[in-house]
């Protein structure tokens, strides 16, 4: 499991995917979310604006399991 550090209260799922290295640009998020299964705390979600907070667990199919950590 990888940790993704954020310095703000929350991060949007689209921004998170870029920070985690799953996509190269924010513009790819829409298409990536349509084609890739994402579980947030065990629940499926594909909204790029979904807010992720410290402690959230994000599973990205074909990549890894990540935990959001506020630094």
N, C-alpha and C. Protein backbone atom coordinates (compact mmCIF):
# COMPACT_ATOMS: atom_id res chain seq x y z
N UNK A 1 0.85 -1.18 0.00
CA UNK A 1 0.00 0.00 0.00
C UNK A 1 0.89 1.24 0.00
N UNK A 2 0.56 2.17 -0.88
CA UNK A 2 1.31 3.41 -0.99
C UNK A 2 0.58 4.55 -0.30
N UNK A 3 1.32 5.48 0.25
CA UNK A 3 0.73 6.67 0.85
C UNK A 3 0.90 7.84 -0.11
N UNK A 4 -0.17 8.62 -0.26
CA UNK A 4 -0.13 9.83 -1.06
C UNK A 4 -0.33 10.99 -0.10
N UNK A 5 0.68 11.83 0.02
CA UNK A 5 0.65 12.95 0.96
C UNK A 5 -0.02 14.17 0.35
N UNK A 6 -0.92 14.78 1.12
CA UNK A 6 -1.55 16.03 0.71
C UNK A 6 -1.30 17.06 1.80
N UNK A 7 -1.29 18.32 1.42
CA UNK A 7 -1.06 19.37 2.40
C UNK A 7 -2.33 20.17 2.69
N UNK A 8 -3.41 19.83 1.98
CA UNK A 8 -4.69 20.51 2.17
C UNK A 8 -5.66 19.60 2.90
N UNK A 9 -6.84 20.08 3.21
CA UNK A 9 -7.82 19.28 3.94
C UNK A 9 -8.30 18.09 3.11
N UNK A 10 -8.45 18.30 1.80
CA UNK A 10 -8.91 17.22 0.92
C UNK A 10 -8.29 17.39 -0.46
N UNK A 11 -8.45 16.36 -1.29
CA UNK A 11 -7.99 16.40 -2.67
C UNK A 11 -9.06 15.76 -3.53
N UNK A 12 -9.29 16.30 -4.72
CA UNK A 12 -10.27 15.72 -5.64
C UNK A 12 -9.69 14.45 -6.24
N UNK A 13 -10.55 13.50 -6.57
CA UNK A 13 -10.10 12.22 -7.10
C UNK A 13 -9.26 12.40 -8.36
N UNK A 14 -9.66 13.30 -9.26
CA UNK A 14 -8.90 13.54 -10.48
C UNK A 14 -7.48 14.01 -10.19
N UNK A 15 -7.34 14.92 -9.23
CA UNK A 15 -6.01 15.41 -8.84
C UNK A 15 -5.22 14.31 -8.14
N UNK A 16 -5.91 13.52 -7.35
CA UNK A 16 -5.27 12.41 -6.64
C UNK A 16 -4.64 11.43 -7.62
N UNK A 17 -5.37 11.09 -8.69
CA UNK A 17 -4.86 10.13 -9.67
C UNK A 17 -3.57 10.63 -10.31
N UNK A 18 -3.49 11.93 -10.55
CA UNK A 18 -2.27 12.51 -11.11
C UNK A 18 -1.14 12.45 -10.09
N UNK A 19 -1.42 12.82 -8.85
CA UNK A 19 -0.42 12.81 -7.80
C UNK A 19 0.08 11.39 -7.51
N UNK A 20 -0.80 10.41 -7.63
CA UNK A 20 -0.43 9.02 -7.37
C UNK A 20 0.32 8.39 -8.54
N UNK A 21 0.37 9.09 -9.68
CA UNK A 21 1.10 8.57 -10.83
C UNK A 21 0.28 7.64 -11.71
N UNK A 22 -1.03 7.62 -11.55
CA UNK A 22 -1.88 6.76 -12.37
C UNK A 22 -2.13 7.39 -13.74
N UNK A 23 -2.16 8.72 -13.80
CA UNK A 23 -2.33 9.44 -15.06
C UNK A 23 -1.27 10.53 -15.13
N UNK A 24 -1.01 11.01 -16.35
CA UNK A 24 0.02 12.03 -16.53
C UNK A 24 -0.52 13.45 -16.42
N UNK A 25 -1.76 13.66 -16.88
CA UNK A 25 -2.35 15.00 -16.85
C UNK A 25 -3.75 14.92 -16.29
N UNK A 26 -4.22 16.04 -15.75
CA UNK A 26 -5.57 16.09 -15.21
C UNK A 26 -6.64 15.87 -16.27
N UNK A 27 -6.32 16.21 -17.53
CA UNK A 27 -7.27 16.02 -18.62
C UNK A 27 -7.57 14.56 -18.91
N UNK A 28 -6.70 13.66 -18.51
CA UNK A 28 -6.91 12.23 -18.72
C UNK A 28 -7.87 11.62 -17.70
N UNK A 29 -8.17 12.34 -16.65
CA UNK A 29 -8.95 11.78 -15.54
C UNK A 29 -10.33 11.30 -15.98
N UNK A 30 -11.03 12.09 -16.77
CA UNK A 30 -12.39 11.74 -17.19
C UNK A 30 -12.41 10.38 -17.90
N UNK A 31 -11.52 10.21 -18.86
CA UNK A 31 -11.49 8.96 -19.62
C UNK A 31 -10.97 7.81 -18.79
N UNK A 32 -9.98 8.08 -17.95
CA UNK A 32 -9.42 7.05 -17.06
C UNK A 32 -10.51 6.51 -16.13
N UNK A 33 -11.31 7.41 -15.58
CA UNK A 33 -12.37 7.00 -14.65
C UNK A 33 -13.48 6.22 -15.34
N UNK A 34 -13.70 6.47 -16.63
CA UNK A 34 -14.71 5.72 -17.38
C UNK A 34 -14.26 4.30 -17.64
N UNK A 35 -12.96 4.09 -17.76
CA UNK A 35 -12.41 2.80 -18.16
C UNK A 35 -11.82 1.98 -17.03
N UNK A 36 -11.61 2.58 -15.87
CA UNK A 36 -10.89 1.91 -14.78
C UNK A 36 -11.76 1.83 -13.54
N UNK A 37 -11.76 0.65 -12.91
CA UNK A 37 -12.52 0.46 -11.67
C UNK A 37 -11.76 1.08 -10.51
N UNK A 38 -12.45 1.95 -9.78
CA UNK A 38 -11.87 2.62 -8.61
C UNK A 38 -12.75 2.31 -7.39
N UNK A 39 -12.14 1.90 -6.31
CA UNK A 39 -12.85 1.70 -5.05
C UNK A 39 -12.31 2.68 -4.02
N UNK A 40 -13.21 3.42 -3.41
CA UNK A 40 -12.83 4.34 -2.35
C UNK A 40 -13.46 3.82 -1.06
N UNK A 41 -12.61 3.44 -0.13
CA UNK A 41 -13.06 2.82 1.12
C UNK A 41 -13.99 1.65 0.86
N UNK A 42 -13.67 0.87 -0.19
CA UNK A 42 -14.42 -0.33 -0.52
C UNK A 42 -15.66 -0.10 -1.38
N UNK A 43 -15.99 1.14 -1.69
CA UNK A 43 -17.18 1.47 -2.49
C UNK A 43 -16.75 1.99 -3.86
N UNK A 44 -17.39 1.51 -4.95
CA UNK A 44 -17.03 2.01 -6.27
C UNK A 44 -17.39 3.49 -6.43
N UNK A 45 -16.53 4.23 -7.10
CA UNK A 45 -16.79 5.65 -7.36
C UNK A 45 -15.98 6.09 -8.56
N UNK A 46 -16.58 6.85 -9.45
CA UNK A 46 -15.87 7.32 -10.64
C UNK A 46 -16.06 8.82 -10.87
N UNK A 47 -16.38 9.56 -9.81
CA UNK A 47 -16.55 11.01 -9.92
C UNK A 47 -15.21 11.69 -9.70
N UNK A 48 -14.72 12.37 -10.73
CA UNK A 48 -13.39 12.97 -10.61
C UNK A 48 -13.34 14.09 -9.58
N UNK A 49 -14.48 14.66 -9.21
CA UNK A 49 -14.54 15.70 -8.20
C UNK A 49 -14.73 15.18 -6.79
N UNK A 50 -14.81 13.86 -6.64
CA UNK A 50 -15.00 13.25 -5.32
C UNK A 50 -13.88 13.71 -4.39
N UNK A 51 -14.25 14.22 -3.22
CA UNK A 51 -13.26 14.70 -2.27
C UNK A 51 -12.71 13.54 -1.45
N UNK A 52 -11.40 13.47 -1.38
CA UNK A 52 -10.72 12.45 -0.60
C UNK A 52 -10.06 13.13 0.59
N UNK A 53 -10.21 12.53 1.76
CA UNK A 53 -9.69 13.10 3.00
C UNK A 53 -8.65 12.17 3.60
N UNK A 54 -7.92 12.69 4.58
CA UNK A 54 -6.91 11.90 5.31
C UNK A 54 -7.52 10.58 5.77
N UNK A 55 -6.83 9.50 5.49
CA UNK A 55 -7.27 8.18 5.91
C UNK A 55 -8.08 7.42 4.87
N UNK A 56 -8.54 8.10 3.80
CA UNK A 56 -9.28 7.40 2.76
C UNK A 56 -8.38 6.40 2.05
N UNK A 57 -8.97 5.26 1.70
CA UNK A 57 -8.23 4.20 1.02
C UNK A 57 -8.76 4.13 -0.42
N UNK A 58 -7.86 4.20 -1.38
CA UNK A 58 -8.25 4.22 -2.79
C UNK A 58 -7.58 3.04 -3.51
N UNK A 59 -8.41 2.17 -4.08
CA UNK A 59 -7.92 1.04 -4.86
C UNK A 59 -8.12 1.36 -6.33
N UNK A 60 -7.04 1.35 -7.10
CA UNK A 60 -7.10 1.65 -8.53
C UNK A 60 -6.75 0.37 -9.28
N UNK A 61 -7.72 -0.17 -10.02
CA UNK A 61 -7.51 -1.41 -10.75
C UNK A 61 -6.32 -1.29 -11.71
N UNK A 62 -5.43 -2.25 -11.63
CA UNK A 62 -4.26 -2.26 -12.50
C UNK A 62 -3.09 -1.44 -11.98
N UNK A 63 -3.28 -0.76 -10.85
CA UNK A 63 -2.20 0.05 -10.28
C UNK A 63 -1.87 -0.42 -8.88
N UNK A 64 -2.53 0.12 -7.87
CA UNK A 64 -2.16 -0.21 -6.50
C UNK A 64 -3.28 0.23 -5.56
N UNK A 65 -3.03 0.04 -4.29
CA UNK A 65 -3.92 0.53 -3.24
C UNK A 65 -3.18 1.69 -2.57
N UNK A 66 -3.87 2.81 -2.43
CA UNK A 66 -3.27 4.01 -1.89
C UNK A 66 -4.03 4.48 -0.65
N UNK A 67 -3.33 5.15 0.24
CA UNK A 67 -3.95 5.79 1.40
C UNK A 67 -3.62 7.27 1.36
N UNK A 68 -4.64 8.09 1.58
CA UNK A 68 -4.45 9.55 1.61
C UNK A 68 -3.94 9.93 2.99
N UNK A 69 -2.83 10.67 3.04
CA UNK A 69 -2.23 11.08 4.30
C UNK A 69 -2.01 12.59 4.26
N UNK A 70 -2.52 13.28 5.27
CA UNK A 70 -2.31 14.72 5.35
C UNK A 70 -1.00 14.98 6.09
N UNK A 71 -0.14 15.75 5.44
CA UNK A 71 1.17 16.03 6.07
C UNK A 71 1.20 17.41 6.67
